[in-house]
Amino acid sequence: MLVTDDALLAGRDVLEVATAAVRGGVTCVQLRLKHRSPRDLSELARRLIAQLDVPVLINDRLDVALAVGAAGVHLGVEDLPVELARRAAPPGFLVGASVGSLSEVLQGRGADYWGVGPWRVTQTKADAGEAIGATGLRDVVAAAGGTPCVAIGGIQPSDVAQAHGAGAVGVAVASGILGATDVEGAARSFSAPGGGPL
């Protein structure tokens, strides 16, 4: 999963960057732009949805996700509760939730997937908390009751196999892809051992 970030985009066109990442193997895009107005976010989301052949999720903003027909929303710990989002969402709409520790497991119940982390300290989300690494990820996966878990937070290509071994079904990446000049190549470097995306 590619997670967009205002600073890492550094003025580049979101659509061009996301398209390159998808060519490199990204299977989902989470539109996370904290400094854009709801109108700008909606316009960008519509462009991404029309152009990309992978699911587009909107970070935090259920209203925007529903308005633009996104595949789903990703909710942080301090966002709208999962159960309320689920009530407002149509059938088939994905609801993801951030779960950074065992103390946050209840807040993630009912979500379609959990974003678990941070794997390591990350510059793109200063309030993400302490790094949990493979051990913390494994603990949350064990408590997930079958909810798919995606590792997030400072993930590098060398972490993919270990995250998979700890029970993650995939990885969510911002700086590891957006921080590269060759976005497509960077995305490709996150493929799982054996050549396919997690």
Protein backbone atom coordinates (compact mmCIF):
# COMPACT_ATOMS: atom_id res chain seq x y z
CA MET A 1 0.00 0.00 0.00
CA LEU A 2 1.32 3.41 -0.96
CA VAL A 3 0.52 6.09 1.62
CA THR A 4 0.85 9.59 0.21
CA ASP A 5 2.39 12.43 2.20
CA ASP A 6 2.41 16.17 1.51
CA ALA A 7 6.08 16.77 2.34
CA LEU A 8 7.41 13.68 0.55
CA LEU A 9 5.52 14.52 -2.63
CA ALA A 10 7.50 17.78 -2.68
CA GLY A 11 5.26 19.39 -5.27
CA ARG A 12 5.11 16.38 -7.59
CA ASP A 13 1.80 15.44 -9.17
CA VAL A 14 0.02 12.89 -6.98
CA LEU A 15 -1.48 11.11 -9.97
CA GLU A 16 1.84 10.69 -11.76
CA VAL A 17 3.57 9.44 -8.62
CA ALA A 18 0.77 7.01 -7.74
CA THR A 19 0.62 5.69 -11.32
CA ALA A 20 4.36 5.01 -11.27
CA ALA A 21 4.04 3.25 -7.90
CA VAL A 22 1.25 1.04 -9.22
CA ARG A 23 3.41 0.12 -12.24
CA GLY A 24 6.01 -0.92 -9.66
CA GLY A 25 3.62 -3.28 -7.89
CA VAL A 26 1.65 -1.18 -5.40
CA THR A 27 -1.75 -2.85 -4.95
CA CYS A 28 -3.56 -0.09 -3.03
CA VAL A 29 -3.19 3.67 -2.57
CA GLN A 30 -4.12 5.48 0.63
CA LEU A 31 -4.58 9.17 -0.06
CA ARG A 32 -3.18 10.91 3.01
CA LEU A 33 -2.71 14.65 2.50
CA LYS A 34 -3.09 16.54 5.77
CA HIS A 35 -2.62 20.02 4.32
CA ARG A 36 -5.20 19.91 1.54
CA SER A 37 -8.71 21.28 1.77
CA PRO A 38 -11.62 18.82 1.54
CA ARG A 39 -12.34 20.18 -1.95
CA ASP A 40 -8.76 19.63 -3.15
CA LEU A 41 -8.65 16.22 -1.53
CA SER A 42 -11.91 15.27 -3.24
CA GLU A 43 -10.67 16.42 -6.62
CA LEU A 44 -7.43 14.48 -6.28
CA ALA A 45 -9.27 11.40 -5.07
CA ARG A 46 -11.62 11.46 -8.07
CA ARG A 47 -8.64 11.69 -10.43
CA LEU A 48 -6.89 8.78 -8.73
CA ILE A 49 -10.01 6.61 -8.75
CA ALA A 50 -10.56 7.29 -12.45
CA GLN A 51 -6.94 6.61 -13.40
CA LEU A 52 -5.79 3.73 -11.19
CA ASP A 53 -6.84 0.11 -11.38
CA VAL A 54 -6.17 -0.51 -7.67
CA PRO A 55 -8.32 0.44 -4.66
CA VAL A 56 -8.02 4.03 -3.44
CA LEU A 57 -8.60 4.64 0.27
CA ILE A 58 -8.94 8.04 1.91
CA ASN A 59 -7.09 8.68 5.16
CA ASP A 60 -9.24 9.96 8.05
CA ARG A 61 -12.00 11.57 5.96
CA LEU A 62 -15.03 9.27 5.73
CA ASP A 63 -17.07 12.13 4.26
CA VAL A 64 -14.64 12.58 1.37
CA ALA A 65 -14.30 8.82 0.81
CA LEU A 66 -18.07 8.41 0.53
CA ALA A 67 -18.53 11.51 -1.63
CA VAL A 68 -15.97 10.46 -4.23
CA GLY A 69 -16.82 6.76 -4.32
CA ALA A 70 -13.48 5.60 -2.91
CA ALA A 71 -12.96 1.93 -2.10
CA GLY A 72 -12.72 2.79 1.57
CA VAL A 73 -11.34 4.86 4.41
CA HIS A 74 -8.46 4.43 6.84
CA LEU A 75 -9.17 5.64 10.38
CA GLY A 76 -6.60 6.56 13.00
CA VAL A 77 -6.97 6.03 16.72
CA GLU A 78 -8.39 9.53 17.25
CA ASP A 79 -10.72 9.45 14.22
CA LEU A 80 -14.33 8.38 13.91
CA PRO A 81 -14.90 4.97 15.57
CA VAL A 82 -14.92 2.00 13.20
CA GLU A 83 -18.47 0.99 14.16
CA LEU A 84 -19.84 4.45 13.26
CA ALA A 85 -18.00 4.47 9.96
CA ARG A 86 -19.37 1.03 9.21
CA ARG A 87 -22.94 2.23 9.81
CA ALA A 88 -22.54 5.09 7.33
CA ALA A 89 -20.72 3.05 4.67
CA PRO A 90 -22.33 1.12 1.83
CA PRO A 91 -21.81 -2.64 1.43
CA GLY A 92 -18.34 -3.53 0.22
CA PHE A 93 -16.79 -0.29 1.49
CA LEU A 94 -13.45 -0.99 3.19
CA VAL A 95 -12.76 0.36 6.66
CA GLY A 96 -9.17 0.20 7.86
CA ALA A 97 -8.01 1.08 11.35
CA SER A 98 -4.68 1.98 12.92
CA VAL A 99 -3.71 -0.35 15.77
CA GLY A 100 -0.34 0.42 17.29
CA SER A 101 -0.42 -1.78 20.38
CA LEU A 102 -2.48 -4.30 22.29
CA SER A 103 -4.14 -1.40 24.14
CA GLU A 104 -5.65 -0.21 20.83
CA VAL A 105 -7.03 -3.58 19.71
CA LEU A 106 -10.60 -2.84 20.80
CA GLN A 107 -10.65 0.34 18.73
CA GLY A 108 -9.82 -1.70 15.64
CA ARG A 109 -12.53 -4.31 16.06
CA GLY A 110 -14.88 -4.47 13.09
CA ALA A 111 -12.37 -3.05 10.60
CA ASP A 112 -11.55 -4.90 7.39
CA TYR A 113 -7.83 -4.56 8.04
CA TRP A 114 -5.47 -3.05 10.60
CA GLY A 115 -2.51 -0.81 9.90
CA VAL A 116 -0.08 -1.94 12.57
CA GLY A 117 2.92 0.08 13.65
CA PRO A 118 5.04 1.97 13.63
CA TRP A 119 7.52 -0.73 12.64
CA ARG A 120 10.24 1.81 13.40
CA VAL A 121 10.21 5.52 14.24
CA THR A 122 9.06 7.45 11.20
CA GLN A 123 9.42 11.08 10.17
CA THR A 124 6.13 11.12 8.24
CA LYS A 125 3.97 10.69 11.34
CA ALA A 126 5.48 12.28 14.42
CA ASP A 127 2.64 11.13 16.70
CA ALA A 128 2.83 7.47 15.64
CA GLY A 129 4.29 6.33 18.96
CA GLU A 130 7.22 4.09 19.81
CA ALA A 131 8.51 1.55 17.31
CA ILE A 132 7.01 -1.91 17.79
CA GLY A 133 9.13 -3.93 15.34
CA ALA A 134 8.49 -7.58 14.57
CA THR A 135 7.72 -8.51 18.19
CA GLY A 136 5.00 -5.88 18.61
CA LEU A 137 3.56 -6.70 15.19
CA ARG A 138 3.41 -10.39 16.07
CA ASP A 139 1.57 -9.59 19.32
CA VAL A 140 -1.05 -7.47 17.55
CA VAL A 141 -1.51 -10.05 14.79
CA ALA A 142 -2.13 -12.69 17.46
CA ALA A 143 -4.83 -10.49 18.99
CA ALA A 144 -6.40 -9.60 15.63
CA GLY A 145 -8.66 -12.65 15.50
CA GLY A 146 -8.05 -13.09 11.79
CA THR A 147 -8.29 -9.42 10.80
CA PRO A 148 -5.58 -8.89 8.15
CA CYS A 149 -2.71 -6.75 9.42
CA VAL A 150 -0.54 -4.43 7.32
CA ALA A 151 2.80 -3.32 8.78
CA ILE A 152 3.45 0.43 8.58
CA GLY A 153 5.98 2.97 9.80
CA GLY A 154 9.46 3.37 8.37
CA ILE A 155 9.27 0.12 6.42
CA GLN A 156 12.25 -0.57 4.16
CA PRO A 157 12.53 -3.28 1.49
CA SER A 158 14.76 -5.31 3.82
CA ASP A 159 11.91 -5.40 6.38
CA VAL A 160 9.31 -7.03 4.12
CA ALA A 161 10.24 -10.65 4.74
CA GLN A 162 10.43 -10.11 8.50
CA ALA A 163 7.07 -8.31 8.56
CA HIS A 164 5.55 -11.14 6.56
CA GLY A 165 7.11 -13.64 8.96
CA ALA A 166 5.51 -11.78 11.89
CA GLY A 167 2.09 -12.25 10.30
CA ALA A 168 1.56 -9.14 8.17
CA VAL A 169 -0.33 -9.66 4.92
CA GLY A 170 1.36 -6.60 3.44
CA VAL A 171 3.21 -3.38 4.08
CA ALA A 172 2.17 0.27 3.87
CA VAL A 173 4.93 2.58 2.67
CA ALA A 174 5.34 6.34 2.36
CA SER A 175 8.97 7.51 2.48
CA GLY A 176 10.42 4.28 1.11
CA ILE A 177 8.62 4.95 -2.16
CA LEU A 178 7.92 8.68 -2.22
CA GLY A 179 11.43 9.52 -1.05
CA ALA A 180 12.92 7.94 -4.17
CA THR A 181 13.62 9.61 -7.49
CA ASP A 182 12.60 6.39 -9.26
CA VAL A 183 9.18 5.80 -7.70
CA GLU A 184 8.39 2.76 -9.86
CA GLY A 185 11.70 1.09 -9.01
CA ALA A 186 11.31 1.89 -5.32
CA ALA A 187 7.84 0.36 -5.29
CA ARG A 188 9.16 -2.75 -7.03
CA SER A 189 11.84 -3.16 -4.34
CA PHE A 190 9.09 -3.89 -1.79
CA SER A 191 8.00 -7.08 -3.54
CA ALA A 192 7.89 -10.14 -1.34
CA PRO A 193 10.58 -12.83 -1.56
CA GLY A 194 9.84 -14.85 -4.66
CA GLY A 195 8.90 -11.84 -6.74
CA GLY A 196 5.26 -11.03 -5.94
CA PRO A 197 3.72 -8.36 -3.79
CA LEU A 198 2.65 -9.42 -0.33
